[in-house]
């Protein structure tokens, strides 16, 4: 089994751990307040129908935004994985041309 290279084979430097930590922290900072607020609001009994509808719309918007951010993080991680190995992230089955 080959040892991981310190420098990427593809020419681009691999992303640092700080960059990955920054992306995950940003996702966490945006998600935790919304989750806490919606959890508390869902525990309140007998909310009038217009307020309940507004909360549902806000929750759907949050889920779409959070899901998009999570998918973008996952795709970024995949691209970094293949770039570190010197391959094209969109076509990792193709080997780079040997010089």
PDB file of N, CA and C in Angstrom:
ATOM      1  N   UNK A   1       0.851  -1.177   0.000  1.00  0.00           N
ATOM      2  CA  UNK A   1       0.000   0.000   0.000  1.00  0.00           C
ATOM      3  C   UNK A   1       0.893   1.234   0.000  1.00  0.00           C
ATOM      4  N   UNK A   2       0.666   2.162  -0.953  1.00  0.00           N
ATOM      5  CA  UNK A   2       1.510   3.355  -1.016  1.00  0.00           C
ATOM      6  C   UNK A   2       1.227   4.294   0.146  1.00  0.00           C
ATOM      7  N   UNK A   3       2.274   4.980   0.557  1.00  0.00           N
ATOM      8  CA  UNK A   3       2.121   5.965   1.628  1.00  0.00           C
ATOM      9  C   UNK A   3       1.564   7.250   1.038  1.00  0.00           C
ATOM     10  N   UNK A   4       0.780   7.995   1.790  1.00  0.00           N
ATOM     11  CA  UNK A   4       0.221   9.235   1.265  1.00  0.00           C
ATOM     12  C   UNK A   4       1.319  10.260   0.997  1.00  0.00           C
ATOM     13  N   UNK A   5       1.202  10.931  -0.118  1.00  0.00           N
ATOM     14  CA  UNK A   5       2.192  11.934  -0.506  1.00  0.00           C
ATOM     15  C   UNK A   5       1.938  13.231   0.250  1.00  0.00           C
ATOM     16  N   UNK A   6       3.026  13.944   0.557  1.00  0.00           N
ATOM     17  CA  UNK A   6       2.875  15.220   1.242  1.00  0.00           C
ATOM     18  C   UNK A   6       2.453  16.309   0.269  1.00  0.00           C
ATOM     19  N   UNK A   7       2.873  16.168  -0.987  1.00  0.00           N
ATOM     20  CA  UNK A   7       2.458  17.106  -2.012  1.00  0.00           C
ATOM     21  C   UNK A   7       1.639  16.343  -3.039  1.00  0.00           C
ATOM     22  N   UNK A   8       0.620  16.987  -3.574  1.00  0.00           N
ATOM     23  CA  UNK A   8      -0.240  16.286  -4.510  1.00  0.00           C
ATOM     24  C   UNK A   8       0.519  15.944  -5.775  1.00  0.00           C
ATOM     25  N   UNK A   9       0.090  14.881  -6.411  1.00  0.00           N
ATOM     26  CA  UNK A   9       0.732  14.441  -7.640  1.00  0.00           C
ATOM     27  C   UNK A   9       0.204  15.201  -8.844  1.00  0.00           C
ATOM     28  N   UNK A  10      -0.900  15.912  -8.670  1.00  0.00           N
ATOM     29  CA  UNK A  10      -1.540  16.598  -9.781  1.00  0.00           C
ATOM     30  C   UNK A  10      -1.060  18.014 -10.004  1.00  0.00           C
ATOM     31  N   UNK A  11      -0.168  18.514  -9.172  1.00  0.00           N
ATOM     32  CA  UNK A  11       0.346  19.855  -9.357  1.00  0.00           C
ATOM     33  C   UNK A  11      -0.323  20.879  -8.458  1.00  0.00           C
ATOM     34  N   UNK A  12      -1.581  20.681  -8.133  1.00  0.00           N
ATOM     35  CA  UNK A  12      -2.260  21.609  -7.235  1.00  0.00           C
ATOM     36  C   UNK A  12      -1.990  21.201  -5.795  1.00  0.00           C
ATOM     37  N   UNK A  13      -1.741  22.158  -4.919  1.00  0.00           N
ATOM     38  CA  UNK A  13      -1.504  21.778  -3.521  1.00  0.00           C
ATOM     39  C   UNK A  13      -2.788  21.267  -2.884  1.00  0.00           C
ATOM     40  N   UNK A  14      -2.686  20.253  -2.033  1.00  0.00           N
ATOM     41  CA  UNK A  14      -3.897  19.771  -1.369  1.00  0.00           C
ATOM     42  C   UNK A  14      -4.406  20.809  -0.380  1.00  0.00           C
ATOM     43  N   UNK A  15      -5.684  20.758  -0.128  1.00  0.00           N
ATOM     44  CA  UNK A  15      -6.269  21.688   0.836  1.00  0.00           C
ATOM     45  C   UNK A  15      -5.753  21.364   2.224  1.00  0.00           C
ATOM     46  N   UNK A  16      -5.609  22.384   3.017  1.00  0.00           N
ATOM     47  CA  UNK A  16      -5.102  22.177   4.362  1.00  0.00           C
ATOM     48  C   UNK A  16      -6.213  21.696   5.281  1.00  0.00           C
ATOM     49  N   UNK A  17      -5.801  21.174   6.426  1.00  0.00           N
ATOM     50  CA  UNK A  17      -6.783  20.762   7.421  1.00  0.00           C
ATOM     51  C   UNK A  17      -7.556  21.959   7.935  1.00  0.00           C
ATOM     52  N   UNK A  18      -6.907  23.118   7.951  1.00  0.00           N
ATOM     53  CA  UNK A  18      -7.581  24.324   8.405  1.00  0.00           C
ATOM     54  C   UNK A  18      -8.716  24.698   7.460  1.00  0.00           C
ATOM     55  N   UNK A  19      -8.503  24.506   6.153  1.00  0.00           N
ATOM     56  CA  UNK A  19      -9.551  24.807   5.186  1.00  0.00           C
ATOM     57  C   UNK A  19     -10.745  23.877   5.382  1.00  0.00           C
ATOM     58  N   UNK A  20     -10.487  22.607   5.588  1.00  0.00           N
ATOM     59  CA  UNK A  20     -11.576  21.654   5.836  1.00  0.00           C
ATOM     60  C   UNK A  20     -12.283  21.977   7.145  1.00  0.00           C
ATOM     61  N   UNK A  21     -11.521  22.287   8.172  1.00  0.00           N
ATOM     62  CA  UNK A  21     -12.121  22.623   9.469  1.00  0.00           C
ATOM     63  C   UNK A  21     -12.967  23.893   9.354  1.00  0.00           C
ATOM     64  N   UNK A  22     -12.495  24.860   8.582  1.00  0.00           N
ATOM     65  CA  UNK A  22     -13.240  26.107   8.393  1.00  0.00           C
ATOM     66  C   UNK A  22     -14.578  25.837   7.701  1.00  0.00           C
ATOM     67  N   UNK A  23     -14.583  24.976   6.692  1.00  0.00           N
ATOM     68  CA  UNK A  23     -15.824  24.664   5.986  1.00  0.00           C
ATOM     69  C   UNK A  23     -16.816  23.930   6.887  1.00  0.00           C
ATOM     70  N   UNK A  24     -16.338  22.979   7.665  1.00  0.00           N
ATOM     71  CA  UNK A  24     -17.219  22.233   8.560  1.00  0.00           C
ATOM     72  C   UNK A  24     -17.737  23.132   9.678  1.00  0.00           C
ATOM     73  N   UNK A  25     -16.877  24.003  10.201  1.00  0.00           N
ATOM     74  CA  UNK A  25     -17.291  24.928  11.249  1.00  0.00           C
ATOM     75  C   UNK A  25     -18.345  25.895  10.734  1.00  0.00           C
ATOM     76  N   UNK A  26     -18.176  26.372   9.514  1.00  0.00           N
ATOM     77  CA  UNK A  26     -19.162  27.285   8.931  1.00  0.00           C
ATOM     78  C   UNK A  26     -20.515  26.596   8.812  1.00  0.00           C
ATOM     79  N   UNK A  27     -20.529  25.349   8.385  1.00  0.00           N
ATOM     80  CA  UNK A  27     -21.776  24.595   8.285  1.00  0.00           C
ATOM     81  C   UNK A  27     -22.423  24.415   9.656  1.00  0.00           C
ATOM     82  N   UNK A  28     -21.605  24.153  10.658  1.00  0.00           N
ATOM     83  CA  UNK A  28     -22.121  23.970  12.020  1.00  0.00           C
ATOM     84  C   UNK A  28     -22.670  25.273  12.592  1.00  0.00           C
ATOM     85  N   UNK A  29     -21.928  26.370  12.406  1.00  0.00           N
ATOM     86  CA  UNK A  29     -22.374  27.658  12.941  1.00  0.00           C
ATOM     87  C   UNK A  29     -23.712  28.087  12.347  1.00  0.00           C
ATOM     88  N   UNK A  30     -23.948  27.775  11.083  1.00  0.00           N
ATOM     89  CA  UNK A  30     -25.205  28.154  10.463  1.00  0.00           C
ATOM     90  C   UNK A  30     -26.331  27.215  10.839  1.00  0.00           C
ATOM     91  N   UNK A  31     -26.027  25.966  11.139  1.00  0.00           N
ATOM     92  CA  UNK A  31     -27.108  25.008  11.370  1.00  0.00           C
ATOM     93  C   UNK A  31     -27.596  24.986  12.814  1.00  0.00           C
ATOM     94  N   UNK A  32     -26.708  25.077  13.776  1.00  0.00           N
ATOM     95  CA  UNK A  32     -27.115  24.918  15.171  1.00  0.00           C
ATOM     96  C   UNK A  32     -28.147  25.939  15.652  1.00  0.00           C
ATOM     97  N   UNK A  33     -28.010  27.229  15.364  1.00  0.00           N
ATOM     98  CA  UNK A  33     -29.045  28.167  15.820  1.00  0.00           C
ATOM     99  C   UNK A  33     -30.422  27.867  15.224  1.00  0.00           C
ATOM    100  N   UNK A  34     -30.455  27.531  13.940  1.00  0.00           N
ATOM    101  CA  UNK A  34     -31.738  27.236  13.311  1.00  0.00           C
ATOM    102  C   UNK A  34     -32.367  25.974  13.895  1.00  0.00           C
ATOM    103  N   UNK A  35     -31.578  24.963  14.111  1.00  0.00           N
ATOM    104  CA  UNK A  35     -32.103  23.724  14.686  1.00  0.00           C
ATOM    105  C   UNK A  35     -32.638  23.979  16.092  1.00  0.00           C
ATOM    106  N   UNK A  36     -31.923  24.747  16.879  1.00  0.00           N
ATOM    107  CA  UNK A  36     -32.378  25.046  18.243  1.00  0.00           C
ATOM    108  C   UNK A  36     -33.689  25.832  18.231  1.00  0.00           C
ATOM    109  N   UNK A  37     -33.781  26.843  17.384  1.00  0.00           N
ATOM    110  CA  UNK A  37     -35.001  27.654  17.320  1.00  0.00           C
ATOM    111  C   UNK A  37     -36.180  26.816  16.857  1.00  0.00           C
ATOM    112  N   UNK A  38     -36.008  26.026  15.817  1.00  0.00           N
ATOM    113  CA  UNK A  38     -37.113  25.224  15.309  1.00  0.00           C
ATOM    114  C   UNK A  38     -37.514  24.130  16.294  1.00  0.00           C
ATOM    115  N   UNK A  39     -36.570  23.596  17.035  1.00  0.00           N
ATOM    116  CA  UNK A  39     -36.906  22.579  18.041  1.00  0.00           C
ATOM    117  C   UNK A  39     -37.768  23.187  19.135  1.00  0.00           C
ATOM    118  N   UNK A  40     -37.417  24.375  19.585  1.00  0.00           N
ATOM    119  CA  UNK A  40     -38.207  25.034  20.635  1.00  0.00           C
ATOM    120  C   UNK A  40     -39.582  25.422  20.098  1.00  0.00           C
ATOM    121  N   UNK A  41     -39.639  25.958  18.892  1.00  0.00           N
ATOM    122  CA  UNK A  41     -40.930  26.368  18.334  1.00  0.00           C
ATOM    123  C   UNK A  41     -41.856  25.177  18.109  1.00  0.00           C
ATOM    124  N   UNK A  42     -41.302  24.031  17.766  1.00  0.00           N
ATOM    125  CA  UNK A  42     -42.145  22.850  17.557  1.00  0.00           C
ATOM    126  C   UNK A  42     -42.678  22.265  18.852  1.00  0.00           C
ATOM    127  N   UNK A  43     -42.110  22.652  19.987  1.00  0.00           N
ATOM    128  CA  UNK A  43     -42.598  22.162  21.270  1.00  0.00           C
ATOM    129  C   UNK A  43     -43.741  23.003  21.840  1.00  0.00           C
ATOM    130  N   UNK A  44     -43.986  24.160  21.256  1.00  0.00           N
ATOM    131  CA  UNK A  44     -45.058  25.039  21.740  1.00  0.00           C
ATOM    132  C   UNK A  44     -46.399  24.490  21.245  1.00  0.00           C
ATOM    133  N   UNK A  45     -47.309  24.190  22.169  1.00  0.00           N
ATOM    134  CA  UNK A  45     -48.614  23.656  21.735  1.00  0.00           C
ATOM    135  C   UNK A  45     -49.565  24.765  21.279  1.00  0.00           C
ATOM    136  N   UNK A  46     -50.521  24.381  20.454  1.00  0.00           N
ATOM    137  CA  UNK A  46     -51.621  25.251  20.023  1.00  0.00           C
ATOM    138  C   UNK A  46     -51.167  26.550  19.365  1.00  0.00           C
ATOM    139  N   UNK A  47     -50.266  26.450  18.449  1.00  0.00           N
ATOM    140  CA  UNK A  47     -49.850  27.626  17.667  1.00  0.00           C
ATOM    141  C   UNK A  47     -50.900  27.846  16.578  1.00  0.00           C
ATOM    142  N   UNK A  48     -51.307  29.095  16.341  1.00  0.00           N
ATOM    143  CA  UNK A  48     -52.299  29.351  15.286  1.00  0.00           C
ATOM    144  C   UNK A  48     -51.807  28.876  13.920  1.00  0.00           C
ATOM    145  N   UNK A  49     -52.763  28.527  13.077  1.00  0.00           N
ATOM    146  CA  UNK A  49     -52.442  27.947  11.763  1.00  0.00           C
ATOM    147  C   UNK A  49     -51.520  28.842  10.916  1.00  0.00           C
ATOM    148  N   UNK A  50     -51.726  30.157  10.812  1.00  0.00           N
ATOM    149  CA  UNK A  50     -50.810  30.975   9.998  1.00  0.00           C
ATOM    150  C   UNK A  50     -49.360  30.916  10.510  1.00  0.00           C
ATOM    151  N   UNK A  51     -49.182  30.913  11.826  1.00  0.00           N
ATOM    152  CA  UNK A  51     -47.823  30.823  12.367  1.00  0.00           C
ATOM    153  C   UNK A  51     -47.218  29.458  12.064  1.00  0.00           C
ATOM    154  N   UNK A  52     -48.015  28.412  12.192  1.00  0.00           N
ATOM    155  CA  UNK A  52     -47.534  27.064  11.908  1.00  0.00           C
ATOM    156  C   UNK A  52     -47.117  26.937  10.435  1.00  0.00           C
ATOM    157  N   UNK A  53     -47.896  27.541   9.538  1.00  0.00           N
ATOM    158  CA  UNK A  53     -47.571  27.514   8.112  1.00  0.00           C
ATOM    159  C   UNK A  53     -46.269  28.278   7.842  1.00  0.00           C
ATOM    160  N   UNK A  54     -46.128  29.430   8.475  1.00  0.00           N
ATOM    161  CA  UNK A  54     -44.885  30.203   8.311  1.00  0.00           C
ATOM    162  C   UNK A  54     -43.669  29.448   8.820  1.00  0.00           C
ATOM    163  N   UNK A  55     -43.838  28.763   9.939  1.00  0.00           N
ATOM    164  CA  UNK A  55     -42.722  27.964  10.476  1.00  0.00           C
ATOM    165  C   UNK A  55     -42.370  26.823   9.528  1.00  0.00           C
ATOM    166  N   UNK A  56     -43.376  26.202   8.953  1.00  0.00           N
ATOM    167  CA  UNK A  56     -43.133  25.107   8.017  1.00  0.00           C
ATOM    168  C   UNK A  56     -42.378  25.596   6.790  1.00  0.00           C
ATOM    169  N   UNK A  57     -42.779  26.745   6.265  1.00  0.00           N
ATOM    170  CA  UNK A  57     -42.079  27.313   5.107  1.00  0.00           C
ATOM    171  C   UNK A  57     -40.622  27.622   5.464  1.00  0.00           C
ATOM    172  N   UNK A  58     -40.407  28.226   6.631  1.00  0.00           N
ATOM    173  CA  UNK A  58     -39.040  28.553   7.054  1.00  0.00           C
ATOM    174  C   UNK A  58     -38.206  27.276   7.243  1.00  0.00           C
ATOM    175  N   UNK A  59     -38.808  26.229   7.797  1.00  0.00           N
ATOM    176  CA  UNK A  59     -38.078  24.972   7.979  1.00  0.00           C
ATOM    177  C   UNK A  59     -37.724  24.337   6.642  1.00  0.00           C
ATOM    178  N   UNK A  60     -38.638  24.394   5.684  1.00  0.00           N
ATOM    179  CA  UNK A  60     -38.354  23.825   4.355  1.00  0.00           C
ATOM    180  C   UNK A  60     -37.213  24.588   3.689  1.00  0.00           C
ATOM    181  N   UNK A  61     -37.240  25.910   3.788  1.00  0.00           N
ATOM    182  CA  UNK A  61     -36.155  26.716   3.209  1.00  0.00           C
ATOM    183  C   UNK A  61     -34.832  26.370   3.880  1.00  0.00           C
ATOM    184  N   UNK A  62     -34.841  26.232   5.209  1.00  0.00           N
ATOM    185  CA  UNK A  62     -33.617  25.885   5.920  1.00  0.00           C
ATOM    186  C   UNK A  62     -33.094  24.515   5.498  1.00  0.00           C
ATOM    187  N   UNK A  63     -33.981  23.541   5.374  1.00  0.00           N
ATOM    188  CA  UNK A  63     -33.543  22.195   4.981  1.00  0.00           C
ATOM    189  C   UNK A  63     -32.932  22.208   3.588  1.00  0.00           C
ATOM    190  N   UNK A  64     -33.505  22.961   2.668  1.00  0.00           N
ATOM    191  CA  UNK A  64     -32.952  23.043   1.312  1.00  0.00           C
ATOM    192  C   UNK A  64     -31.573  23.705   1.337  1.00  0.00           C
ATOM    193  N   UNK A  65     -31.445  24.807   2.066  1.00  0.00           N
ATOM    194  CA  UNK A  65     -30.157  25.511   2.143  1.00  0.00           C
ATOM    195  C   UNK A  65     -29.110  24.645   2.834  1.00  0.00           C
ATOM    196  N   UNK A  66     -29.474  24.016   3.946  1.00  0.00           N
ATOM    197  CA  UNK A  66     -28.539  23.166   4.679  1.00  0.00           C
ATOM    198  C   UNK A  66     -28.152  21.943   3.851  1.00  0.00           C
ATOM    199  N   UNK A  67     -29.111  21.359   3.181  1.00  0.00           N
ATOM    200  CA  UNK A  67     -28.807  20.206   2.318  1.00  0.00           C
ATOM    201  C   UNK A  67     -27.863  20.576   1.189  1.00  0.00           C
ATOM    202  N   UNK A  68     -28.086  21.736   0.590  1.00  0.00           N
ATOM    203  CA  UNK A  68     -27.190  22.206  -0.473  1.00  0.00           C
ATOM    204  C   UNK A  68     -25.778  22.424   0.064  1.00  0.00           C
ATOM    205  N   UNK A  69     -25.662  23.012   1.242  1.00  0.00           N
ATOM    206  CA  UNK A  69     -24.338  23.246   1.837  1.00  0.00           C
ATOM    207  C   UNK A  69     -23.651  21.919   2.166  1.00  0.00           C
ATOM    208  N   UNK A  70     -24.402  20.934   2.651  1.00  0.00           N
ATOM    209  CA  UNK A  70     -23.811  19.632   2.973  1.00  0.00           C
ATOM    210  C   UNK A  70     -23.357  18.916   1.714  1.00  0.00           C
ATOM    211  N   UNK A  71     -24.125  19.011   0.645  1.00  0.00           N
ATOM    212  CA  UNK A  71     -23.728  18.383  -0.622  1.00  0.00           C
ATOM    213  C   UNK A  71     -22.485  19.070  -1.186  1.00  0.00           C
ATOM    214  N   UNK A  72     -22.428  20.390  -1.102  1.00  0.00           N
ATOM    215  CA  UNK A  72     -21.243  21.110  -1.582  1.00  0.00           C
ATOM    216  C   UNK A  72     -19.994  20.715  -0.799  1.00  0.00           C
ATOM    217  N   UNK A  73     -20.134  20.538   0.528  1.00  0.00           N
ATOM    218  CA  UNK A  73     -19.007  20.093   1.341  1.00  0.00           C
ATOM    219  C   UNK A  73     -18.554  18.702   0.913  1.00  0.00           C
ATOM    220  N   UNK A  74     -19.500  17.813   0.685  1.00  0.00           N
ATOM    221  CA  UNK A  74     -19.166  16.453   0.272  1.00  0.00           C
ATOM    222  C   UNK A  74     -18.464  16.442  -1.091  1.00  0.00           C
ATOM    223  N   UNK A  75     -18.949  17.235  -2.032  1.00  0.00           N
ATOM    224  CA  UNK A  75     -18.310  17.306  -3.349  1.00  0.00           C
ATOM    225  C   UNK A  75     -16.918  17.917  -3.264  1.00  0.00           C
ATOM    226  N   UNK A  76     -16.747  18.906  -2.406  1.00  0.00           N
ATOM    227  CA  UNK A  76     -15.430  19.505  -2.223  1.00  0.00           C
ATOM    228  C   UNK A  76     -14.449  18.473  -1.673  1.00  0.00           C
ATOM    229  N   UNK A  77     -14.908  17.682  -0.683  1.00  0.00           N
ATOM    230  CA  UNK A  77     -14.049  16.644  -0.120  1.00  0.00           C
ATOM    231  C   UNK A  77     -13.680  15.612  -1.177  1.00  0.00           C
ATOM    232  N   UNK A  78     -14.628  15.231  -2.017  1.00  0.00           N
ATOM    233  CA  UNK A  78     -14.345  14.273  -3.090  1.00  0.00           C
ATOM    234  C   UNK A  78     -13.311  14.841  -4.066  1.00  0.00           C
ATOM    235  N   UNK A  79     -13.482  16.110  -4.447  1.00  0.00           N
ATOM    236  CA  UNK A  79     -12.538  16.723  -5.377  1.00  0.00           C
ATOM    237  C   UNK A  79     -11.134  16.789  -4.775  1.00  0.00           C
ATOM    238  N   UNK A  80     -11.037  17.138  -3.496  1.00  0.00           N
ATOM    239  CA  UNK A  80      -9.726  17.186  -2.847  1.00  0.00           C
ATOM    240  C   UNK A  80      -9.079  15.809  -2.806  1.00  0.00           C
ATOM    241  N   UNK A  81      -9.866  14.784  -2.567  1.00  0.00           N
ATOM    242  CA  UNK A  81      -9.342  13.414  -2.523  1.00  0.00           C
ATOM    243  C   UNK A  81      -8.693  13.053  -3.853  1.00  0.00           C
ATOM    244  N   UNK A  82      -9.395  13.326  -4.955  1.00  0.00           N
ATOM    245  CA  UNK A  82      -8.849  12.953  -6.258  1.00  0.00           C
ATOM    246  C   UNK A  82      -7.729  13.885  -6.704  1.00  0.00           C
ATOM    247  N   UNK A  83      -7.801  15.162  -6.337  1.00  0.00           N
ATOM    248  CA  UNK A  83      -6.709  16.070  -6.701  1.00  0.00           C
ATOM    249  C   UNK A  83      -5.410  15.689  -6.002  1.00  0.00           C
ATOM    250  N   UNK A  84      -5.487  15.204  -4.750  1.00  0.00           N
ATOM    251  CA  UNK A  84      -4.284  14.778  -4.041  1.00  0.00           C
ATOM    252  C   UNK A  84      -3.630  13.592  -4.721  1.00  0.00           C
ATOM    253  N   UNK A  85      -4.410  12.811  -5.425  1.00  0.00           N
ATOM    254  CA  UNK A  85      -3.882  11.635  -6.111  1.00  0.00           C
ATOM    255  C   UNK A  85      -3.529  11.912  -7.568  1.00  0.00           C
ATOM    256  N   UNK A  86      -3.660  13.166  -7.984  1.00  0.00           N
ATOM    257  CA  UNK A  86      -3.255  13.550  -9.326  1.00  0.00           C
ATOM    258  C   UNK A  86      -4.248  13.165 -10.396  1.00  0.00           C
ATOM    259  N   UNK A  87      -5.494  13.011 -10.041  1.00  0.00           N
ATOM    260  CA  UNK A  87      -6.508  12.627 -11.016  1.00  0.00           C
ATOM    261  C   UNK A  87      -7.526  13.751 -11.188  1.00  0.00           C
ATOM    262  N   UNK A  88      -8.241  13.690 -12.307  1.00  0.00           N
ATOM    263  CA  UNK A  88      -9.315  14.648 -12.555  1.00  0.00           C
ATOM    264  C   UNK A  88     -10.507  14.261 -11.696  1.00  0.00           C
ATOM    265  N   UNK A  89     -11.012  15.150 -10.833  1.00  0.00           N
ATOM    266  CA  UNK A  89     -12.134  14.795  -9.954  1.00  0.00           C
ATOM    267  C   UNK A  89     -13.395  14.377 -10.708  1.00  0.00           C
ATOM    268  N   UNK A  90     -13.597  14.916 -11.913  1.00  0.00           N
ATOM    269  CA  UNK A  90     -14.797  14.566 -12.661  1.00  0.00           C
ATOM    270  C   UNK A  90     -14.663  13.223 -13.369  1.00  0.00           C
ATOM    271  N   UNK A  91     -13.425  12.794 -13.628  1.00  0.00           N
ATOM    272  CA  UNK A  91     -13.176  11.512 -14.285  1.00  0.00           C
ATOM    273  C   UNK A  91     -12.002  10.816 -13.602  1.00  0.00           C
ATOM    274  N   UNK A  92     -12.187  10.329 -12.369  1.00  0.00           N
ATOM    275  CA  UNK A  92     -11.053   9.727 -11.632  1.00  0.00           C
ATOM    276  C   UNK A  92     -10.583   8.419 -12.235  1.00  0.00           C
ATOM    277  N   UNK A  93     -11.382   7.785 -13.114  1.00  0.00           N
ATOM    278  CA  UNK A  93     -10.959   6.526 -13.706  1.00  0.00           C
ATOM    279  C   UNK A  93      -9.867   6.721 -14.752  1.00  0.00           C
ATOM    280  N   UNK A  94      -9.711   7.933 -15.239  1.00  0.00           N
ATOM    281  CA  UNK A  94      -8.664   8.228 -16.226  1.00  0.00           C
ATOM    282  C   UNK A  94      -7.346   8.510 -15.506  1.00  0.00           C
ATOM    283  N   UNK A  95      -6.305   7.927 -16.003  1.00  0.00           N
ATOM    284  CA  UNK A  95      -4.979   8.155 -15.414  1.00  0.00           C
ATOM    285  C   UNK A  95      -4.358   9.379 -16.081  1.00  0.00           C
ATOM    286  N   UNK A  96      -3.604  10.171 -15.306  1.00  0.00           N
ATOM    287  CA  UNK A  96      -2.932  11.325 -15.922  1.00  0.00           C
ATOM    288  C   UNK A  96      -1.819  10.841 -16.854  1.00  0.00           C
ATOM    289  N   UNK A  97      -1.523  11.652 -17.820  1.00  0.00           N
ATOM    290  CA  UNK A  97      -0.461  11.294 -18.761  1.00  0.00           C
ATOM    291  C   UNK A  97       0.878  11.340 -18.046  1.00  0.00           C
ATOM    292  N   UNK A  98       1.650  10.317 -18.237  1.00  0.00           N
ATOM    293  CA  UNK A  98       2.992  10.254 -17.635  1.00  0.00           C
ATOM    294  C   UNK A  98       3.936  11.091 -18.475  1.00  0.00           C
ATOM    295  N   UNK A  99       4.746  11.896 -17.817  1.00  0.00           N
ATOM    296  CA  UNK A  99       5.713  12.756 -18.531  1.00  0.00           C
ATOM    297  C   UNK A  99       7.031  12.034 -18.620  1.00  0.00           C
TER     298      UNK A  99
END
